[in-house]
Each structure stands twice: as C-alpha cells, then as structure tokens.
Amino acid sequence: MATPDPRMIELMSYYRDAELHGATLLLRLIKMMDDPDAQVKLAAHLADETRHAWLWTKRINEMGGEPMKIADGYQKRVGRRTIPRSILEILALTVVVEERSFARYVEHMEIHNPDPQTLEVLQDVTNDEKWHMSWIRNKLVELARQEGDESLAEKAIEKYRLIDAEVYGELKAKEIEAFGDTVA
C-alpha cells in the first residue's frame, strides 16, 4: 500500500471532526426539545452524524492513515465567535453548518478528484446532508412561527452565515496553502 497523502488525511480528519462536533450539537438539541417529532428526527440525524464520523475514520484507516486530532476545526472556530443561546439559534446554526458540510463535500468531489472509495463516502454523506438541511430548516421556521415572527428564522440563519463565511475563509486559505491553487 502506498503511503497516504498526509494533506488528505488531515483534510478528512477535519471532516471527521466536523461530524463529531455536529453530533454534539444535536445532543444539546435532544436535551432541550420536548417535541416528539423533533426527538425522532434528531435521533435519526444524530445516528447519521456519528455514522459519517465513522465513515471518515474508516476511510482514513483504509488509506493507511490514522485520524488526526483537530484542535482548531470548523466548529471550534465558530464557537469562538458566537454561542447560540436558544433552540431557535441552535437550529439556525445547524442549518448553516449542514449547508456548509453539503457544499464542502460537493466541492471536494469537484476539485480533489477523489478515488472511488472516497467518492462513495462523499456521495453517501452528501445524500444525508440534503435531508438534514431540509428538516432542520422546516423545524426552525415552525418554531419561529410559533414565536409569532417567521422572519426570526431567516435573521438567525443570516447571522450564522456571516460567521460561517469568516470561518470557512480561514479554513479555505489553510487548504490552499496545503494543496496549492488547485483548490482555489
């Protein structure tokens, strides 16, 4: 077996870290929400997130690498800029994080020319992200409507999109530094 590209192992370790942190965020929501429909969907979503972390762990190992501990990943960088204080804010942040995951995995497929096994993982997790974005957004709008102002949902999403843009810009610059301008 060829020696794995350490840059790719690190990148996949970032993906793994993001999925693990996403699971942590969902656990917070499970503890906060009494809505039976949300409980069912959160449990399924949580199962997906942990499975995604496993898929990245497994893929890293299959490539001959070991998962790296990520000290300064996406969610940690987001957390240094904001702390969501309500269910509405956590849902809005989750929508934005899921949108970023989806876009990031699609981008990876387009620019990194993944091998068939990595492509399979990317397609698998991307398919799940579609449902994650949809159900969380719908629940967010529903809760904002219950609070009497549906626009609260979009306002909260926009707040977190601005933070996401800053964080992703930092991480993208780091990736360009590692891989060169082929990822710009």
C-alpha atoms as a PDB file:
ATOM      1  CA  MET A   1       0.000   0.000   0.000  1.00  0.00           C
ATOM      2  CA  ALA A   2       1.268   3.443  -0.931  1.00  0.00           C
ATOM      3  CA  THR A   3       1.907   5.994   1.796  1.00  0.00           C
ATOM      4  CA  PRO A   4      -1.205   8.159   2.147  1.00  0.00           C
ATOM      5  CA  ASP A   5      -1.012  11.843   1.317  1.00  0.00           C
ATOM      6  CA  PRO A   6      -0.795  13.476   4.769  1.00  0.00           C
ATOM      7  CA  ARG A   7      -2.644  16.533   3.456  1.00  0.00           C
ATOM      8  CA  MET A   8      -5.625  14.361   2.517  1.00  0.00           C
ATOM      9  CA  ILE A   9      -5.534  12.550   5.857  1.00  0.00           C
ATOM     10  CA  GLU A  10      -5.609  15.930   7.595  1.00  0.00           C
ATOM     11  CA  LEU A  11      -8.465  17.176   5.404  1.00  0.00           C
ATOM     12  CA  MET A  12     -10.513  14.041   6.081  1.00  0.00           C
ATOM     13  CA  SER A  13      -9.715  14.406   9.774  1.00  0.00           C
ATOM     14  CA  TYR A  14     -11.257  17.896   9.598  1.00  0.00           C
ATOM     15  CA  TYR A  15     -14.383  16.352   8.059  1.00  0.00           C
ATOM     16  CA  ARG A  16     -14.443  13.723  10.802  1.00  0.00           C
ATOM     17  CA  ASP A  17     -14.042  16.393  13.474  1.00  0.00           C
ATOM     18  CA  ALA A  18     -16.902  18.428  11.990  1.00  0.00           C
ATOM     19  CA  GLU A  19     -19.211  15.404  12.024  1.00  0.00           C
ATOM     20  CA  LEU A  20     -18.338  14.646  15.661  1.00  0.00           C
ATOM     21  CA  HIS A  21     -18.996  18.243  16.683  1.00  0.00           C
ATOM     22  CA  GLY A  22     -22.264  18.180  14.744  1.00  0.00           C
ATOM     23  CA  ALA A  23     -23.294  15.166  16.811  1.00  0.00           C
ATOM     24  CA  THR A  24     -22.519  17.110  19.986  1.00  0.00           C
ATOM     25  CA  LEU A  25     -24.737  19.985  18.845  1.00  0.00           C
ATOM     26  CA  LEU A  26     -27.563  17.549  18.131  1.00  0.00           C
ATOM     27  CA  LEU A  27     -27.214  16.039  21.598  1.00  0.00           C
ATOM     28  CA  ARG A  28     -27.768  19.524  23.034  1.00  0.00           C
ATOM     29  CA  LEU A  29     -30.930  19.849  20.961  1.00  0.00           C
ATOM     30  CA  ILE A  30     -32.222  16.430  22.046  1.00  0.00           C
ATOM     31  CA  LYS A  31     -31.913  17.509  25.675  1.00  0.00           C
ATOM     32  CA  MET A  32     -33.634  20.838  25.028  1.00  0.00           C
ATOM     33  CA  MET A  33     -36.557  19.872  22.779  1.00  0.00           C
ATOM     34  CA  ASP A  34     -39.719  18.133  24.005  1.00  0.00           C
ATOM     35  CA  ASP A  35     -41.372  17.936  20.581  1.00  0.00           C
ATOM     36  CA  PRO A  36     -41.875  14.195  19.769  1.00  0.00           C
ATOM     37  CA  ASP A  37     -41.415  14.757  16.020  1.00  0.00           C
ATOM     38  CA  ALA A  38     -38.145  16.597  16.649  1.00  0.00           C
ATOM     39  CA  GLN A  39     -36.993  13.836  19.000  1.00  0.00           C
ATOM     40  CA  VAL A  40     -37.424  11.205  16.281  1.00  0.00           C
ATOM     41  CA  LYS A  41     -35.707  13.322  13.637  1.00  0.00           C
ATOM     42  CA  LEU A  42     -32.913  14.384  15.972  1.00  0.00           C
ATOM     43  CA  ALA A  43     -32.188  10.755  16.859  1.00  0.00           C
ATOM     44  CA  ALA A  44     -32.013   9.792  13.170  1.00  0.00           C
ATOM     45  CA  HIS A  45     -29.885  12.850  12.400  1.00  0.00           C
ATOM     46  CA  LEU A  46     -27.549  12.051  15.313  1.00  0.00           C
ATOM     47  CA  ALA A  47     -27.173   8.490  14.017  1.00  0.00           C
ATOM     48  CA  ASP A  48     -26.200   9.924  10.616  1.00  0.00           C
ATOM     49  CA  GLU A  49     -23.612  12.283  12.104  1.00  0.00           C
ATOM     50  CA  THR A  50     -21.901   9.569  14.103  1.00  0.00           C
ATOM     51  CA  ARG A  51     -22.015   7.240  11.084  1.00  0.00           C
ATOM     52  CA  HIS A  52     -20.397   9.981   8.986  1.00  0.00           C
ATOM     53  CA  ALA A  53     -17.614  10.330  11.557  1.00  0.00           C
ATOM     54  CA  TRP A  54     -17.154   6.563  11.375  1.00  0.00           C
ATOM     55  CA  LEU A  55     -17.085   6.600   7.551  1.00  0.00           C
ATOM     56  CA  TRP A  56     -14.308   9.217   7.607  1.00  0.00           C
ATOM     57  CA  THR A  57     -12.439   7.296  10.311  1.00  0.00           C
ATOM     58  CA  LYS A  58     -12.743   4.074   8.320  1.00  0.00           C
ATOM     59  CA  ARG A  59     -11.687   5.744   5.056  1.00  0.00           C
ATOM     60  CA  ILE A  60      -8.611   7.283   6.702  1.00  0.00           C
ATOM     61  CA  ASN A  61      -7.636   3.855   8.045  1.00  0.00           C
ATOM     62  CA  GLU A  62      -8.267   2.169   4.681  1.00  0.00           C
ATOM     63  CA  MET A  63      -5.874   4.664   3.107  1.00  0.00           C
ATOM     64  CA  GLY A  64      -3.192   3.630   5.604  1.00  0.00           C
ATOM     65  CA  GLY A  65      -3.532   6.713   7.792  1.00  0.00           C
ATOM     66  CA  GLU A  66      -4.734   7.468  11.275  1.00  0.00           C
ATOM     67  CA  PRO A  67      -7.320  10.083  12.227  1.00  0.00           C
ATOM     68  CA  MET A  68      -5.693  13.263  13.454  1.00  0.00           C
ATOM     69  CA  LYS A  69      -6.891  15.200  16.459  1.00  0.00           C
ATOM     70  CA  ILE A  70      -8.072  18.567  15.180  1.00  0.00           C
ATOM     71  CA  ALA A  71      -7.503  21.330  17.687  1.00  0.00           C
ATOM     72  CA  ASP A  72      -8.906  24.216  15.665  1.00  0.00           C
ATOM     73  CA  GLY A  73     -11.642  22.871  13.398  1.00  0.00           C
ATOM     74  CA  TYR A  74     -14.711  24.493  11.918  1.00  0.00           C
ATOM     75  CA  GLN A  75     -16.999  24.285  14.961  1.00  0.00           C
ATOM     76  CA  LYS A  76     -14.318  25.425  17.393  1.00  0.00           C
ATOM     77  CA  ARG A  77     -13.712  28.469  15.211  1.00  0.00           C
ATOM     78  CA  VAL A  78     -17.449  29.160  15.040  1.00  0.00           C
ATOM     79  CA  GLY A  79     -17.696  28.720  18.818  1.00  0.00           C
ATOM     80  CA  ARG A  80     -15.052  31.394  19.395  1.00  0.00           C
ATOM     81  CA  ARG A  81     -17.277  33.874  17.565  1.00  0.00           C
ATOM     82  CA  THR A  82     -20.694  33.022  18.980  1.00  0.00           C
ATOM     83  CA  ILE A  83     -22.600  30.818  21.371  1.00  0.00           C
ATOM     84  CA  PRO A  84     -26.211  30.085  20.447  1.00  0.00           C
ATOM     85  CA  ARG A  85     -28.456  30.777  23.428  1.00  0.00           C
ATOM     86  CA  SER A  86     -31.832  29.400  22.356  1.00  0.00           C
ATOM     87  CA  ILE A  87     -33.304  26.456  20.499  1.00  0.00           C
ATOM     88  CA  LEU A  88     -34.042  28.801  17.597  1.00  0.00           C
ATOM     89  CA  GLU A  89     -30.395  29.884  17.424  1.00  0.00           C
ATOM     90  CA  ILE A  90     -29.083  26.318  17.687  1.00  0.00           C
ATOM     91  CA  LEU A  91     -31.387  25.258  14.860  1.00  0.00           C
ATOM     92  CA  ALA A  92     -30.260  28.205  12.728  1.00  0.00           C
ATOM     93  CA  LEU A  93     -26.618  27.367  13.367  1.00  0.00           C
ATOM     94  CA  THR A  94     -27.330  23.730  12.498  1.00  0.00           C
ATOM     95  CA  VAL A  95     -28.907  24.758   9.184  1.00  0.00           C
ATOM     96  CA  VAL A  96     -25.805  26.769   8.305  1.00  0.00           C
ATOM     97  CA  VAL A  97     -23.409  24.014   9.403  1.00  0.00           C
ATOM     98  CA  GLU A  98     -25.314  21.451   7.327  1.00  0.00           C
ATOM     99  CA  GLU A  99     -25.270  23.784   4.308  1.00  0.00           C
ATOM    100  CA  ARG A 100     -21.507  24.172   4.719  1.00  0.00           C
ATOM    101  CA  SER A 101     -20.991  20.414   5.008  1.00  0.00           C
ATOM    102  CA  PHE A 102     -23.028  19.786   1.889  1.00  0.00           C
ATOM    103  CA  ALA A 103     -21.216  22.485  -0.106  1.00  0.00           C
ATOM    104  CA  ARG A 104     -17.831  21.352   1.188  1.00  0.00           C
ATOM    105  CA  TYR A 105     -18.355  17.726   0.216  1.00  0.00           C
ATOM    106  CA  VAL A 106     -19.615  18.711  -3.246  1.00  0.00           C
ATOM    107  CA  GLU A 107     -16.594  20.978  -3.637  1.00  0.00           C
ATOM    108  CA  HIS A 108     -14.280  18.138  -2.602  1.00  0.00           C
ATOM    109  CA  MET A 109     -15.773  15.926  -5.324  1.00  0.00           C
ATOM    110  CA  GLU A 110     -15.191  18.673  -7.896  1.00  0.00           C
ATOM    111  CA  ILE A 111     -11.640  19.761  -7.052  1.00  0.00           C
ATOM    112  CA  HIS A 112      -9.815  16.841  -5.434  1.00  0.00           C
ATOM    113  CA  ASN A 113     -10.567  14.112  -7.994  1.00  0.00           C
ATOM    114  CA  PRO A 114     -11.292  11.556  -5.253  1.00  0.00           C
ATOM    115  CA  ASP A 115     -10.590   7.852  -5.640  1.00  0.00           C
ATOM    116  CA  PRO A 116     -13.708   5.639  -5.953  1.00  0.00           C
ATOM    117  CA  GLN A 117     -13.822   4.706  -2.246  1.00  0.00           C
ATOM    118  CA  THR A 118     -13.573   8.328  -1.096  1.00  0.00           C
ATOM    119  CA  LEU A 119     -16.133   9.353  -3.715  1.00  0.00           C
ATOM    120  CA  GLU A 120     -18.501   6.752  -2.277  1.00  0.00           C
ATOM    121  CA  VAL A 121     -18.121   8.270   1.218  1.00  0.00           C
ATOM    122  CA  LEU A 122     -18.635  11.785  -0.155  1.00  0.00           C
ATOM    123  CA  GLN A 123     -21.786  10.768  -2.023  1.00  0.00           C
ATOM    124  CA  ASP A 124     -23.149   8.924   0.999  1.00  0.00           C
ATOM    125  CA  VAL A 125     -22.696  11.821   3.414  1.00  0.00           C
ATOM    126  CA  THR A 126     -23.886  14.378   0.858  1.00  0.00           C
ATOM    127  CA  ASN A 127     -27.141  12.495   0.362  1.00  0.00           C
ATOM    128  CA  ASP A 128     -27.788  12.624   4.112  1.00  0.00           C
ATOM    129  CA  GLU A 129     -26.958  16.337   4.310  1.00  0.00           C
ATOM    130  CA  LYS A 130     -29.874  17.126   1.975  1.00  0.00           C
ATOM    131  CA  TRP A 131     -32.355  15.697   4.453  1.00  0.00           C
ATOM    132  CA  HIS A 132     -30.556  17.309   7.412  1.00  0.00           C
ATOM    133  CA  MET A 133     -30.806  20.785   5.856  1.00  0.00           C
ATOM    134  CA  SER A 134     -34.467  20.295   4.986  1.00  0.00           C
ATOM    135  CA  TRP A 135     -35.872  19.007   8.247  1.00  0.00           C
ATOM    136  CA  ILE A 136     -33.894  21.400  10.454  1.00  0.00           C
ATOM    137  CA  ARG A 137     -34.921  24.418   8.356  1.00  0.00           C
ATOM    138  CA  ASN A 138     -38.571  23.344   8.473  1.00  0.00           C
ATOM    139  CA  LYS A 139     -38.424  22.932  12.258  1.00  0.00           C
ATOM    140  CA  LEU A 140     -36.707  26.309  12.624  1.00  0.00           C
ATOM    141  CA  VAL A 141     -39.424  28.060  10.585  1.00  0.00           C
ATOM    142  CA  GLU A 142     -42.117  26.244  12.558  1.00  0.00           C
ATOM    143  CA  LEU A 143     -40.654  27.420  15.880  1.00  0.00           C
ATOM    144  CA  ALA A 144     -40.191  30.986  14.639  1.00  0.00           C
ATOM    145  CA  ARG A 145     -43.822  30.982  13.522  1.00  0.00           C
ATOM    146  CA  GLN A 146     -44.858  29.743  16.985  1.00  0.00           C
ATOM    147  CA  GLU A 147     -42.928  32.673  18.462  1.00  0.00           C
ATOM    148  CA  GLY A 148     -45.020  34.965  16.269  1.00  0.00           C
ATOM    149  CA  ASP A 149     -42.412  36.043  13.727  1.00  0.00           C
ATOM    150  CA  GLU A 150     -41.334  33.695  10.959  1.00  0.00           C
ATOM    151  CA  SER A 151     -38.659  36.201   9.894  1.00  0.00           C
ATOM    152  CA  LEU A 152     -36.736  35.299  13.069  1.00  0.00           C
ATOM    153  CA  ALA A 153     -35.666  32.104  11.294  1.00  0.00           C
ATOM    154  CA  GLU A 154     -34.028  33.870   8.344  1.00  0.00           C
ATOM    155  CA  LYS A 155     -32.494  36.538  10.567  1.00  0.00           C
ATOM    156  CA  ALA A 156     -30.853  33.870  12.702  1.00  0.00           C
ATOM    157  CA  ILE A 157     -29.640  31.957   9.641  1.00  0.00           C
ATOM    158  CA  GLU A 158     -28.118  35.122   8.178  1.00  0.00           C
ATOM    159  CA  LYS A 159     -26.302  35.836  11.455  1.00  0.00           C
ATOM    160  CA  TYR A 160     -24.660  32.404  11.329  1.00  0.00           C
ATOM    161  CA  ARG A 161     -23.960  32.573   7.598  1.00  0.00           C
ATOM    162  CA  LEU A 162     -21.787  35.636   8.210  1.00  0.00           C
ATOM    163  CA  ILE A 163     -19.833  33.763  10.858  1.00  0.00           C
ATOM    164  CA  ASP A 164     -19.604  30.714   8.592  1.00  0.00           C
ATOM    165  CA  ALA A 165     -18.182  32.824   5.762  1.00  0.00           C
ATOM    166  CA  GLU A 166     -15.380  34.113   8.015  1.00  0.00           C
ATOM    167  CA  VAL A 167     -14.548  30.665   9.382  1.00  0.00           C
ATOM    168  CA  TYR A 168     -14.701  28.945   6.018  1.00  0.00           C
ATOM    169  CA  GLY A 169     -12.485  31.652   4.523  1.00  0.00           C
ATOM    170  CA  GLU A 170      -9.830  30.870   7.143  1.00  0.00           C
ATOM    171  CA  LEU A 171     -10.050  27.129   6.557  1.00  0.00           C
ATOM    172  CA  LYS A 172     -10.060  27.519   2.782  1.00  0.00           C
ATOM    173  CA  ALA A 173      -6.884  29.626   2.985  1.00  0.00           C
ATOM    174  CA  LYS A 174      -5.289  26.847   5.028  1.00  0.00           C
ATOM    175  CA  GLU A 175      -6.330  24.277   2.422  1.00  0.00           C
ATOM    176  CA  ILE A 176      -4.947  26.387  -0.432  1.00  0.00           C
ATOM    177  CA  GLU A 177      -1.683  26.685   1.476  1.00  0.00           C
ATOM    178  CA  ALA A 178      -1.533  22.881   1.783  1.00  0.00           C
ATOM    179  CA  PHE A 179      -2.720  21.885  -1.683  1.00  0.00           C
ATOM    180  CA  GLY A 180      -1.781  24.932  -3.762  1.00  0.00           C
ATOM    181  CA  ASP A 181      -4.023  26.926  -6.038  1.00  0.00           C
ATOM    182  CA  THR A 182      -5.644  23.788  -7.477  1.00  0.00           C
ATOM    183  CA  VAL A 183      -8.278  24.116  -4.720  1.00  0.00           C
ATOM    184  CA  ALA A 184      -8.953  27.830  -5.080  1.00  0.00           C
END
